[in-house]
């Protein structure tokens, strides 16, 4: 984890991440093959943006993809095992929005 602090930089402002603001959400390791997959959530100390990094290690090669998010690290951990939204849910949202008259409070109270 220590070496990640040296290579991970905020894609918004370029500031190096502070490991105190970085949390491993999920990881898989294979020492036999020298491979690892790591999902990390980090908050930038400088610009306060949040980013999730998917890091894959294959021997000496390291691949990293970052995604800006509004999720907290707790949200990321909570949602990681959730099922994707289904077709029926998308159709339901579409129907709700089709009849939407601009009153979010009324719509959200109805669902609760």
PDB file of N, CA and C in Angstrom:
ATOM      1  N   UNK A   1       0.820  -1.191   0.000  1.00  0.00           N
ATOM      2  CA  UNK A   1       0.000   0.000   0.000  1.00  0.00           C
ATOM      3  C   UNK A   1       0.866   1.258   0.000  1.00  0.00           C
ATOM      4  N   UNK A   2       1.996   1.169   0.624  1.00  0.00           N
ATOM      5  CA  UNK A   2       2.894   2.321   0.725  1.00  0.00           C
ATOM      6  C   UNK A   2       3.300   2.841  -0.654  1.00  0.00           C
ATOM      7  N   UNK A   3       3.609   1.931  -1.584  1.00  0.00           N
ATOM      8  CA  UNK A   3       4.069   2.359  -2.903  1.00  0.00           C
ATOM      9  C   UNK A   3       2.957   3.021  -3.700  1.00  0.00           C
ATOM     10  N   UNK A   4       1.678   2.710  -3.381  1.00  0.00           N
ATOM     11  CA  UNK A   4       0.578   3.346  -4.088  1.00  0.00           C
ATOM     12  C   UNK A   4       0.551   4.854  -3.830  1.00  0.00           C
ATOM     13  N   UNK A   5       0.930   5.242  -2.631  1.00  0.00           N
ATOM     14  CA  UNK A   5       0.988   6.660  -2.299  1.00  0.00           C
ATOM     15  C   UNK A   5       1.957   7.429  -3.170  1.00  0.00           C
ATOM     16  N   UNK A   6       2.959   6.754  -3.703  1.00  0.00           N
ATOM     17  CA  UNK A   6       3.932   7.406  -4.566  1.00  0.00           C
ATOM     18  C   UNK A   6       3.448   7.539  -6.009  1.00  0.00           C
ATOM     19  N   UNK A   7       2.579   6.610  -6.452  1.00  0.00           N
ATOM     20  CA  UNK A   7       2.180   6.631  -7.854  1.00  0.00           C
ATOM     21  C   UNK A   7       0.806   7.238  -8.097  1.00  0.00           C
ATOM     22  N   UNK A   8      -0.089   7.236  -7.101  1.00  0.00           N
ATOM     23  CA  UNK A   8      -1.442   7.738  -7.316  1.00  0.00           C
ATOM     24  C   UNK A   8      -1.509   9.249  -7.115  1.00  0.00           C
ATOM     25  N   UNK A   9      -2.013   9.917  -8.141  1.00  0.00           N
ATOM     26  CA  UNK A   9      -2.193  11.366  -8.074  1.00  0.00           C
ATOM     27  C   UNK A   9      -3.633  11.701  -8.429  1.00  0.00           C
ATOM     28  N   UNK A  10      -4.132  12.766  -7.884  1.00  0.00           N
ATOM     29  CA  UNK A  10      -5.483  13.229  -8.169  1.00  0.00           C
ATOM     30  C   UNK A  10      -5.581  13.620  -9.645  1.00  0.00           C
ATOM     31  N   UNK A  11      -6.573  13.068 -10.374  1.00  0.00           N
ATOM     32  CA  UNK A  11      -6.712  13.435 -11.789  1.00  0.00           C
ATOM     33  C   UNK A  11      -7.252  14.859 -11.979  1.00  0.00           C
ATOM     34  N   UNK A  12      -7.770  15.464 -10.925  1.00  0.00           N
ATOM     35  CA  UNK A  12      -8.311  16.821 -11.021  1.00  0.00           C
ATOM     36  C   UNK A  12      -7.204  17.863 -10.866  1.00  0.00           C
ATOM     37  N   UNK A  13      -6.427  17.752  -9.779  1.00  0.00           N
ATOM     38  CA  UNK A  13      -5.437  18.795  -9.487  1.00  0.00           C
ATOM     39  C   UNK A  13      -3.982  18.299  -9.519  1.00  0.00           C
ATOM     40  N   UNK A  14      -3.764  16.977  -9.632  1.00  0.00           N
ATOM     41  CA  UNK A  14      -2.412  16.432  -9.708  1.00  0.00           C
ATOM     42  C   UNK A  14      -1.715  16.247  -8.373  1.00  0.00           C
ATOM     43  N   UNK A  15      -2.410  16.526  -7.267  1.00  0.00           N
ATOM     44  CA  UNK A  15      -1.841  16.396  -5.935  1.00  0.00           C
ATOM     45  C   UNK A  15      -1.666  14.916  -5.584  1.00  0.00           C
ATOM     46  N   UNK A  16      -0.545  14.565  -4.950  1.00  0.00           N
ATOM     47  CA  UNK A  16      -0.332  13.169  -4.534  1.00  0.00           C
ATOM     48  C   UNK A  16      -1.274  12.837  -3.379  1.00  0.00           C
ATOM     49  N   UNK A  17      -1.839  11.652  -3.432  1.00  0.00           N
ATOM     50  CA  UNK A  17      -2.798  11.241  -2.412  1.00  0.00           C
ATOM     51  C   UNK A  17      -2.139  10.952  -1.080  1.00  0.00           C
ATOM     52  N   UNK A  18      -2.845  11.315  -0.036  1.00  0.00           N
ATOM     53  CA  UNK A  18      -2.441  11.025   1.331  1.00  0.00           C
ATOM     54  C   UNK A  18      -3.041   9.666   1.698  1.00  0.00           C
ATOM     55  N   UNK A  19      -2.226   8.729   2.136  1.00  0.00           N
ATOM     56  CA  UNK A  19      -2.721   7.392   2.456  1.00  0.00           C
ATOM     57  C   UNK A  19      -3.743   7.386   3.588  1.00  0.00           C
ATOM     58  N   UNK A  20      -3.762   8.437   4.404  1.00  0.00           N
ATOM     59  CA  UNK A  20      -4.773   8.534   5.462  1.00  0.00           C
ATOM     60  C   UNK A  20      -6.166   8.725   4.881  1.00  0.00           C
ATOM     61  N   UNK A  21      -6.248   9.206   3.633  1.00  0.00           N
ATOM     62  CA  UNK A  21      -7.528   9.452   2.977  1.00  0.00           C
ATOM     63  C   UNK A  21      -7.792   8.413   1.887  1.00  0.00           C
ATOM     64  N   UNK A  22      -7.106   7.284   1.964  1.00  0.00           N
ATOM     65  CA  UNK A  22      -7.220   6.226   0.967  1.00  0.00           C
ATOM     66  C   UNK A  22      -7.629   4.926   1.648  1.00  0.00           C
ATOM     67  N   UNK A  23      -8.628   4.259   1.048  1.00  0.00           N
ATOM     68  CA  UNK A  23      -9.122   3.019   1.641  1.00  0.00           C
ATOM     69  C   UNK A  23      -9.247   1.943   0.574  1.00  0.00           C
ATOM     70  N   UNK A  24      -8.765   0.741   0.886  1.00  0.00           N
ATOM     71  CA  UNK A  24      -8.921  -0.405  -0.012  1.00  0.00           C
ATOM     72  C   UNK A  24     -10.335  -0.928   0.160  1.00  0.00           C
ATOM     73  N   UNK A  25     -11.095  -0.954  -0.927  1.00  0.00           N
ATOM     74  CA  UNK A  25     -12.475  -1.435  -0.908  1.00  0.00           C
ATOM     75  C   UNK A  25     -12.508  -2.938  -1.127  1.00  0.00           C
ATOM     76  N   UNK A  26     -11.665  -3.403  -2.037  1.00  0.00           N
ATOM     77  CA  UNK A  26     -11.644  -4.835  -2.371  1.00  0.00           C
ATOM     78  C   UNK A  26     -10.283  -5.179  -2.947  1.00  0.00           C
ATOM     79  N   UNK A  27      -9.795  -6.388  -2.659  1.00  0.00           N
ATOM     80  CA  UNK A  27      -8.517  -6.805  -3.239  1.00  0.00           C
ATOM     81  C   UNK A  27      -8.466  -8.316  -3.408  1.00  0.00           C
ATOM     82  N   UNK A  28      -7.753  -8.743  -4.432  1.00  0.00           N
ATOM     83  CA  UNK A  28      -7.469 -10.155  -4.694  1.00  0.00           C
ATOM     84  C   UNK A  28      -5.980 -10.254  -4.986  1.00  0.00           C
ATOM     85  N   UNK A  29      -5.333 -11.259  -4.411  1.00  0.00           N
ATOM     86  CA  UNK A  29      -3.892 -11.427  -4.618  1.00  0.00           C
ATOM     87  C   UNK A  29      -3.580 -12.866  -4.999  1.00  0.00           C
ATOM     88  N   UNK A  30      -2.608 -13.027  -5.867  1.00  0.00           N
ATOM     89  CA  UNK A  30      -2.071 -14.338  -6.203  1.00  0.00           C
ATOM     90  C   UNK A  30      -0.559 -14.223  -6.182  1.00  0.00           C
ATOM     91  N   UNK A  31       0.039 -14.633  -5.075  1.00  0.00           N
ATOM     92  CA  UNK A  31       1.503 -14.532  -4.956  1.00  0.00           C
ATOM     93  C   UNK A  31       2.208 -15.492  -5.905  1.00  0.00           C
ATOM     94  N   UNK A  32       1.536 -16.596  -6.246  1.00  0.00           N
ATOM     95  CA  UNK A  32       2.129 -17.578  -7.159  1.00  0.00           C
ATOM     96  C   UNK A  32       2.384 -16.943  -8.524  1.00  0.00           C
ATOM     97  N   UNK A  33       1.422 -16.187  -9.025  1.00  0.00           N
ATOM     98  CA  UNK A  33       1.545 -15.574 -10.346  1.00  0.00           C
ATOM     99  C   UNK A  33       2.005 -14.119 -10.288  1.00  0.00           C
ATOM    100  N   UNK A  34       2.185 -13.573  -9.101  1.00  0.00           N
ATOM    101  CA  UNK A  34       2.598 -12.179  -8.955  1.00  0.00           C
ATOM    102  C   UNK A  34       1.554 -11.207  -9.468  1.00  0.00           C
ATOM    103  N   UNK A  35       0.280 -11.540  -9.217  1.00  0.00           N
ATOM    104  CA  UNK A  35      -0.813 -10.712  -9.708  1.00  0.00           C
ATOM    105  C   UNK A  35      -1.686 -10.223  -8.553  1.00  0.00           C
ATOM    106  N   UNK A  36      -2.321  -9.086  -8.791  1.00  0.00           N
ATOM    107  CA  UNK A  36      -3.250  -8.551  -7.791  1.00  0.00           C
ATOM    108  C   UNK A  36      -4.244  -7.639  -8.478  1.00  0.00           C
ATOM    109  N   UNK A  37      -5.435  -7.576  -7.903  1.00  0.00           N
ATOM    110  CA  UNK A  37      -6.469  -6.636  -8.331  1.00  0.00           C
ATOM    111  C   UNK A  37      -6.908  -5.885  -7.074  1.00  0.00           C
ATOM    112  N   UNK A  38      -6.908  -4.561  -7.166  1.00  0.00           N
ATOM    113  CA  UNK A  38      -7.216  -3.752  -5.992  1.00  0.00           C
ATOM    114  C   UNK A  38      -8.178  -2.641  -6.399  1.00  0.00           C
ATOM    115  N   UNK A  39      -9.240  -2.464  -5.621  1.00  0.00           N
ATOM    116  CA  UNK A  39     -10.175  -1.363  -5.808  1.00  0.00           C
ATOM    117  C   UNK A  39      -9.979  -0.415  -4.635  1.00  0.00           C
ATOM    118  N   UNK A  40      -9.636   0.838  -4.943  1.00  0.00           N
ATOM    119  CA  UNK A  40      -9.280   1.818  -3.924  1.00  0.00           C
ATOM    120  C   UNK A  40     -10.165   3.048  -4.055  1.00  0.00           C
ATOM    121  N   UNK A  41     -10.574   3.598  -2.929  1.00  0.00           N
ATOM    122  CA  UNK A  41     -11.284   4.878  -2.894  1.00  0.00           C
ATOM    123  C   UNK A  41     -10.380   5.875  -2.197  1.00  0.00           C
ATOM    124  N   UNK A  42     -10.237   7.068  -2.786  1.00  0.00           N
ATOM    125  CA  UNK A  42      -9.378   8.072  -2.175  1.00  0.00           C
ATOM    126  C   UNK A  42      -9.999   9.453  -2.294  1.00  0.00           C
ATOM    127  N   UNK A  43      -9.794  10.252  -1.260  1.00  0.00           N
ATOM    128  CA  UNK A  43     -10.235  11.646  -1.241  1.00  0.00           C
ATOM    129  C   UNK A  43      -8.997  12.524  -1.326  1.00  0.00           C
ATOM    130  N   UNK A  44      -9.034  13.499  -2.214  1.00  0.00           N
ATOM    131  CA  UNK A  44      -7.901  14.413  -2.383  1.00  0.00           C
ATOM    132  C   UNK A  44      -7.889  15.429  -1.245  1.00  0.00           C
ATOM    133  N   UNK A  45      -6.750  15.559  -0.597  1.00  0.00           N
ATOM    134  CA  UNK A  45      -6.597  16.510   0.509  1.00  0.00           C
ATOM    135  C   UNK A  45      -6.621  17.954   0.015  1.00  0.00           C
ATOM    136  N   UNK A  46      -6.241  18.159  -1.252  1.00  0.00           N
ATOM    137  CA  UNK A  46      -6.143  19.526  -1.769  1.00  0.00           C
ATOM    138  C   UNK A  46      -7.475  20.026  -2.347  1.00  0.00           C
ATOM    139  N   UNK A  47      -8.039  19.301  -3.330  1.00  0.00           N
ATOM    140  CA  UNK A  47      -9.250  19.801  -4.006  1.00  0.00           C
ATOM    141  C   UNK A  47     -10.542  19.146  -3.505  1.00  0.00           C
ATOM    142  N   UNK A  48     -10.403  18.158  -2.604  1.00  0.00           N
ATOM    143  CA  UNK A  48     -11.536  17.488  -1.964  1.00  0.00           C
ATOM    144  C   UNK A  48     -12.361  16.612  -2.906  1.00  0.00           C
ATOM    145  N   UNK A  49     -11.854  16.308  -4.104  1.00  0.00           N
ATOM    146  CA  UNK A  49     -12.573  15.395  -4.993  1.00  0.00           C
ATOM    147  C   UNK A  49     -12.350  13.956  -4.531  1.00  0.00           C
ATOM    148  N   UNK A  50     -13.258  13.067  -4.929  1.00  0.00           N
ATOM    149  CA  UNK A  50     -13.144  11.645  -4.598  1.00  0.00           C
ATOM    150  C   UNK A  50     -12.944  10.845  -5.876  1.00  0.00           C
ATOM    151  N   UNK A  51     -12.075   9.853  -5.802  1.00  0.00           N
ATOM    152  CA  UNK A  51     -11.760   9.031  -6.967  1.00  0.00           C
ATOM    153  C   UNK A  51     -11.675   7.575  -6.534  1.00  0.00           C
ATOM    154  N   UNK A  52     -12.168   6.696  -7.413  1.00  0.00           N
ATOM    155  CA  UNK A  52     -11.979   5.259  -7.221  1.00  0.00           C
ATOM    156  C   UNK A  52     -10.971   4.802  -8.267  1.00  0.00           C
ATOM    157  N   UNK A  53      -9.997   4.023  -7.828  1.00  0.00           N
ATOM    158  CA  UNK A  53      -8.979   3.475  -8.705  1.00  0.00           C
ATOM    159  C   UNK A  53      -9.125   1.971  -8.764  1.00  0.00           C
ATOM    160  N   UNK A  54      -9.102   1.433  -9.973  1.00  0.00           N
ATOM    161  CA  UNK A  54      -9.016  -0.005 -10.164  1.00  0.00           C
ATOM    162  C   UNK A  54      -7.589  -0.270 -10.611  1.00  0.00           C
ATOM    163  N   UNK A  55      -6.848  -1.010  -9.810  1.00  0.00           N
ATOM    164  CA  UNK A  55      -5.437  -1.263 -10.093  1.00  0.00           C
ATOM    165  C   UNK A  55      -5.238  -2.767 -10.309  1.00  0.00           C
ATOM    166  N   UNK A  56      -4.584  -3.098 -11.403  1.00  0.00           N
ATOM    167  CA  UNK A  56      -4.250  -4.493 -11.678  1.00  0.00           C
ATOM    168  C   UNK A  56      -2.742  -4.595 -11.809  1.00  0.00           C
ATOM    169  N   UNK A  57      -2.193  -5.593 -11.144  1.00  0.00           N
ATOM    170  CA  UNK A  57      -0.752  -5.823 -11.164  1.00  0.00           C
ATOM    171  C   UNK A  57      -0.503  -7.194 -11.778  1.00  0.00           C
ATOM    172  N   UNK A  58       0.310  -7.218 -12.819  1.00  0.00           N
ATOM    173  CA  UNK A  58       0.705  -8.465 -13.485  1.00  0.00           C
ATOM    174  C   UNK A  58       2.227  -8.488 -13.514  1.00  0.00           C
ATOM    175  N   UNK A  59       2.814  -9.102 -12.495  1.00  0.00           N
ATOM    176  CA  UNK A  59       4.268  -9.119 -12.398  1.00  0.00           C
ATOM    177  C   UNK A  59       4.796  -7.704 -12.270  1.00  0.00           C
ATOM    178  N   UNK A  60       5.681  -7.288 -13.170  1.00  0.00           N
ATOM    179  CA  UNK A  60       6.244  -5.937 -13.075  1.00  0.00           C
ATOM    180  C   UNK A  60       5.327  -4.848 -13.659  1.00  0.00           C
ATOM    181  N   UNK A  61       4.239  -5.248 -14.341  1.00  0.00           N
ATOM    182  CA  UNK A  61       3.350  -4.277 -14.973  1.00  0.00           C
ATOM    183  C   UNK A  61       2.225  -3.869 -14.029  1.00  0.00           C
ATOM    184  N   UNK A  62       1.948  -2.568 -13.990  1.00  0.00           N
ATOM    185  CA  UNK A  62       0.874  -2.033 -13.152  1.00  0.00           C
ATOM    186  C   UNK A  62      -0.050  -1.217 -14.038  1.00  0.00           C
ATOM    187  N   UNK A  63      -1.343  -1.552 -14.014  1.00  0.00           N
ATOM    188  CA  UNK A  63      -2.362  -0.842 -14.780  1.00  0.00           C
ATOM    189  C   UNK A  63      -3.318  -0.183 -13.800  1.00  0.00           C
ATOM    190  N   UNK A  64      -3.656   1.077 -14.055  1.00  0.00           N
ATOM    191  CA  UNK A  64      -4.542   1.810 -13.156  1.00  0.00           C
ATOM    192  C   UNK A  64      -5.553   2.609 -13.966  1.00  0.00           C
ATOM    193  N   UNK A  65      -6.822   2.524 -13.545  1.00  0.00           N
ATOM    194  CA  UNK A  65      -7.883   3.322 -14.143  1.00  0.00           C
ATOM    195  C   UNK A  65      -8.575   4.051 -13.002  1.00  0.00           C
ATOM    196  N   UNK A  66      -8.683   5.367 -13.122  1.00  0.00           N
ATOM    197  CA  UNK A  66      -9.338   6.173 -12.100  1.00  0.00           C
ATOM    198  C   UNK A  66     -10.681   6.683 -12.578  1.00  0.00           C
ATOM    199  N   UNK A  67     -11.622   6.808 -11.645  1.00  0.00           N
ATOM    200  CA  UNK A  67     -12.955   7.298 -11.969  1.00  0.00           C
ATOM    201  C   UNK A  67     -13.371   8.295 -10.895  1.00  0.00           C
ATOM    202  N   UNK A  68     -13.683   9.501 -11.300  1.00  0.00           N
ATOM    203  CA  UNK A  68     -14.158  10.505 -10.355  1.00  0.00           C
ATOM    204  C   UNK A  68     -15.544  10.091  -9.883  1.00  0.00           C
ATOM    205  N   UNK A  69     -15.809  10.239  -8.590  1.00  0.00           N
ATOM    206  CA  UNK A  69     -17.072   9.794  -8.022  1.00  0.00           C
ATOM    207  C   UNK A  69     -17.543  10.746  -6.936  1.00  0.00           C
ATOM    208  N   UNK A  70     -18.826  10.675  -6.652  1.00  0.00           N
ATOM    209  CA  UNK A  70     -19.356  11.413  -5.511  1.00  0.00           C
ATOM    210  C   UNK A  70     -19.619  10.467  -4.345  1.00  0.00           C
ATOM    211  N   UNK A  71     -19.243   9.196  -4.503  1.00  0.00           N
ATOM    212  CA  UNK A  71     -19.410   8.219  -3.433  1.00  0.00           C
ATOM    213  C   UNK A  71     -18.338   8.401  -2.361  1.00  0.00           C
ATOM    214  N   UNK A  72     -18.721   8.186  -1.115  1.00  0.00           N
ATOM    215  CA  UNK A  72     -17.744   8.127  -0.040  1.00  0.00           C
ATOM    216  C   UNK A  72     -17.151   6.718  -0.035  1.00  0.00           C
ATOM    217  N   UNK A  73     -16.115   6.491   0.728  1.00  0.00           N
ATOM    218  CA  UNK A  73     -15.548   5.139   0.812  1.00  0.00           C
ATOM    219  C   UNK A  73     -16.557   4.174   1.419  1.00  0.00           C
ATOM    220  N   UNK A  74     -17.389   4.660   2.353  1.00  0.00           N
ATOM    221  CA  UNK A  74     -18.430   3.809   2.950  1.00  0.00           C
ATOM    222  C   UNK A  74     -19.481   3.431   1.900  1.00  0.00           C
ATOM    223  N   UNK A  75     -19.871   4.395   1.054  1.00  0.00           N
ATOM    224  CA  UNK A  75     -20.818   4.111  -0.027  1.00  0.00           C
ATOM    225  C   UNK A  75     -20.242   3.068  -0.973  1.00  0.00           C
ATOM    226  N   UNK A  76     -18.984   3.228  -1.334  1.00  0.00           N
ATOM    227  CA  UNK A  76     -18.330   2.308  -2.261  1.00  0.00           C
ATOM    228  C   UNK A  76     -18.339   0.886  -1.714  1.00  0.00           C
ATOM    229  N   UNK A  77     -18.016   0.736  -0.446  1.00  0.00           N
ATOM    230  CA  UNK A  77     -18.005  -0.596   0.181  1.00  0.00           C
ATOM    231  C   UNK A  77     -19.417  -1.174   0.231  1.00  0.00           C
ATOM    232  N   UNK A  78     -20.404  -0.327   0.510  1.00  0.00           N
ATOM    233  CA  UNK A  78     -21.787  -0.793   0.627  1.00  0.00           C
ATOM    234  C   UNK A  78     -22.339  -1.229  -0.733  1.00  0.00           C
ATOM    235  N   UNK A  79     -22.008  -0.513  -1.807  1.00  0.00           N
ATOM    236  CA  UNK A  79     -22.569  -0.797  -3.122  1.00  0.00           C
ATOM    237  C   UNK A  79     -21.811  -1.860  -3.910  1.00  0.00           C
ATOM    238  N   UNK A  80     -20.615  -2.246  -3.482  1.00  0.00           N
ATOM    239  CA  UNK A  80     -19.791  -3.138  -4.305  1.00  0.00           C
ATOM    240  C   UNK A  80     -20.442  -4.486  -4.564  1.00  0.00           C
ATOM    241  N   UNK A  81     -21.292  -4.990  -3.670  1.00  0.00           N
ATOM    242  CA  UNK A  81     -21.920  -6.297  -3.857  1.00  0.00           C
ATOM    243  C   UNK A  81     -23.381  -6.215  -4.294  1.00  0.00           C
ATOM    244  N   UNK A  82     -23.854  -5.028  -4.615  1.00  0.00           N
ATOM    245  CA  UNK A  82     -25.232  -4.855  -5.063  1.00  0.00           C
ATOM    246  C   UNK A  82     -25.384  -5.304  -6.506  1.00  0.00           C
ATOM    247  N   UNK A  83     -26.580  -5.779  -6.819  1.00  0.00           N
ATOM    248  CA  UNK A  83     -26.890  -6.175  -8.186  1.00  0.00           C
ATOM    249  C   UNK A  83     -27.097  -4.935  -9.053  1.00  0.00           C
ATOM    250  N   UNK A  84     -26.804  -5.031 -10.344  1.00  0.00           N
ATOM    251  CA  UNK A  84     -27.050  -3.888 -11.240  1.00  0.00           C
ATOM    252  C   UNK A  84     -28.552  -3.584 -11.311  1.00  0.00           C
ATOM    253  N   UNK A  85     -28.863  -2.356 -11.688  1.00  0.00           N
ATOM    254  CA  UNK A  85     -30.256  -1.965 -11.867  1.00  0.00           C
ATOM    255  C   UNK A  85     -30.819  -2.759 -13.036  1.00  0.00           C
ATOM    256  N   UNK A  86     -32.030  -3.300 -12.854  1.00  0.00           N
ATOM    257  CA  UNK A  86     -32.652  -4.121 -13.885  1.00  0.00           C
ATOM    258  C   UNK A  86     -33.505  -3.316 -14.851  1.00  0.00           C
ATOM    259  N   UNK A  87     -33.932  -3.972 -15.924  1.00  0.00           N
ATOM    260  CA  UNK A  87     -34.744  -3.341 -16.963  1.00  0.00           C
ATOM    261  C   UNK A  87     -36.047  -2.809 -16.374  1.00  0.00           C
ATOM    262  N   UNK A  88     -36.694  -3.587 -15.519  1.00  0.00           N
ATOM    263  CA  UNK A  88     -37.969  -3.158 -14.937  1.00  0.00           C
ATOM    264  C   UNK A  88     -37.805  -1.908 -14.074  1.00  0.00           C
ATOM    265  N   UNK A  89     -36.685  -1.791 -13.385  1.00  0.00           N
ATOM    266  CA  UNK A  89     -36.431  -0.597 -12.586  1.00  0.00           C
ATOM    267  C   UNK A  89     -36.239   0.629 -13.475  1.00  0.00           C
ATOM    268  N   UNK A  90     -35.540   0.451 -14.589  1.00  0.00           N
ATOM    269  CA  UNK A  90     -35.337   1.559 -15.524  1.00  0.00           C
ATOM    270  C   UNK A  90     -36.677   2.000 -16.115  1.00  0.00           C
ATOM    271  N   UNK A  91     -37.525   1.032 -16.483  1.00  0.00           N
ATOM    272  CA  UNK A  91     -38.846   1.363 -17.021  1.00  0.00           C
ATOM    273  C   UNK A  91     -39.682   2.089 -15.966  1.00  0.00           C
ATOM    274  N   UNK A  92     -39.601   1.636 -14.724  1.00  0.00           N
ATOM    275  CA  UNK A  92     -40.332   2.302 -13.642  1.00  0.00           C
ATOM    276  C   UNK A  92     -39.888   3.742 -13.443  1.00  0.00           C
ATOM    277  N   UNK A  93     -38.588   3.984 -13.491  1.00  0.00           N
ATOM    278  CA  UNK A  93     -38.069   5.350 -13.355  1.00  0.00           C
ATOM    279  C   UNK A  93     -38.535   6.195 -14.538  1.00  0.00           C
ATOM    280  N   UNK A  94     -38.507   5.614 -15.728  1.00  0.00           N
ATOM    281  CA  UNK A  94     -38.958   6.334 -16.925  1.00  0.00           C
ATOM    282  C   UNK A  94     -40.427   6.747 -16.783  1.00  0.00           C
ATOM    283  N   UNK A  95     -41.266   5.833 -16.334  1.00  0.00           N
ATOM    284  CA  UNK A  95     -42.692   6.139 -16.158  1.00  0.00           C
ATOM    285  C   UNK A  95     -42.894   7.229 -15.112  1.00  0.00           C
ATOM    286  N   UNK A  96     -42.142   7.149 -14.029  1.00  0.00           N
ATOM    287  CA  UNK A  96     -42.251   8.162 -12.979  1.00  0.00           C
ATOM    288  C   UNK A  96     -41.841   9.534 -13.508  1.00  0.00           C
ATOM    289  N   UNK A  97     -40.732   9.603 -14.229  1.00  0.00           N
ATOM    290  CA  UNK A  97     -40.256  10.879 -14.754  1.00  0.00           C
ATOM    291  C   UNK A  97     -41.169  11.429 -15.848  1.00  0.00           C
ATOM    292  N   UNK A  98     -41.825  10.541 -16.578  1.00  0.00           N
ATOM    293  CA  UNK A  98     -42.730  10.980 -17.647  1.00  0.00           C
ATOM    294  C   UNK A  98     -43.886  11.799 -17.069  1.00  0.00           C
ATOM    295  N   UNK A  99     -44.370  11.400 -15.899  1.00  0.00           N
ATOM    296  CA  UNK A  99     -45.466  12.119 -15.266  1.00  0.00           C
ATOM    297  C   UNK A  99     -45.008  13.135 -14.233  1.00  0.00           C
ATOM    298  N   UNK A 100     -43.716  13.377 -14.146  1.00  0.00           N
ATOM    299  CA  UNK A 100     -43.146  14.269 -13.128  1.00  0.00           C
ATOM    300  C   UNK A 100     -43.534  15.717 -13.393  1.00  0.00           C
ATOM    301  N   UNK A 101     -44.016  16.394 -12.356  1.00  0.00           N
ATOM    302  CA  UNK A 101     -44.458  17.790 -12.476  1.00  0.00           C
ATOM    303  C   UNK A 101     -43.515  18.767 -11.784  1.00  0.00           C
ATOM    304  N   UNK A 102     -42.330  18.295 -11.343  1.00  0.00           N
ATOM    305  CA  UNK A 102     -41.349  19.197 -10.760  1.00  0.00           C
ATOM    306  C   UNK A 102     -41.347  19.284  -9.248  1.00  0.00           C
ATOM    307  N   UNK A 103     -42.132  18.460  -8.562  1.00  0.00           N
ATOM    308  CA  UNK A 103     -42.190  18.503  -7.095  1.00  0.00           C
ATOM    309  C   UNK A 103     -41.468  17.285  -6.522  1.00  0.00           C
ATOM    310  N   UNK A 104     -40.147  17.427  -6.292  1.00  0.00           N
ATOM    311  CA  UNK A 104     -39.349  16.314  -5.778  1.00  0.00           C
ATOM    312  C   UNK A 104     -39.815  15.857  -4.400  1.00  0.00           C
ATOM    313  N   UNK A 105     -40.201  16.776  -3.545  1.00  0.00           N
ATOM    314  CA  UNK A 105     -40.631  16.423  -2.194  1.00  0.00           C
ATOM    315  C   UNK A 105     -41.828  15.491  -2.254  1.00  0.00           C
ATOM    316  N   UNK A 106     -42.823  15.806  -3.085  1.00  0.00           N
ATOM    317  CA  UNK A 106     -44.023  14.964  -3.206  1.00  0.00           C
ATOM    318  C   UNK A 106     -43.670  13.570  -3.734  1.00  0.00           C
ATOM    319  N   UNK A 107     -42.821  13.512  -4.741  1.00  0.00           N
ATOM    320  CA  UNK A 107     -42.447  12.225  -5.340  1.00  0.00           C
ATOM    321  C   UNK A 107     -41.674  11.365  -4.358  1.00  0.00           C
ATOM    322  N   UNK A 108     -40.711  11.959  -3.647  1.00  0.00           N
ATOM    323  CA  UNK A 108     -39.895  11.191  -2.709  1.00  0.00           C
ATOM    324  C   UNK A 108     -40.694  10.746  -1.481  1.00  0.00           C
ATOM    325  N   UNK A 109     -41.627  11.547  -1.029  1.00  0.00           N
ATOM    326  CA  UNK A 109     -42.481  11.137   0.102  1.00  0.00           C
ATOM    327  C   UNK A 109     -43.388   9.993  -0.268  1.00  0.00           C
ATOM    328  N   UNK A 110     -43.853   9.968  -1.515  1.00  0.00           N
ATOM    329  CA  UNK A 110     -44.728   8.916  -1.983  1.00  0.00           C
ATOM    330  C   UNK A 110     -44.019   7.557  -1.954  1.00  0.00           C
ATOM    331  N   UNK A 111     -42.734   7.542  -2.262  1.00  0.00           N
ATOM    332  CA  UNK A 111     -41.945   6.294  -2.331  1.00  0.00           C
ATOM    333  C   UNK A 111     -41.563   5.795  -0.939  1.00  0.00           C
ATOM    334  N   UNK A 112     -41.506   6.651   0.056  1.00  0.00           N
ATOM    335  CA  UNK A 112     -41.031   6.282   1.385  1.00  0.00           C
ATOM    336  C   UNK A 112     -42.026   5.479   2.177  1.00  0.00           C
TER     337      UNK A 112
END
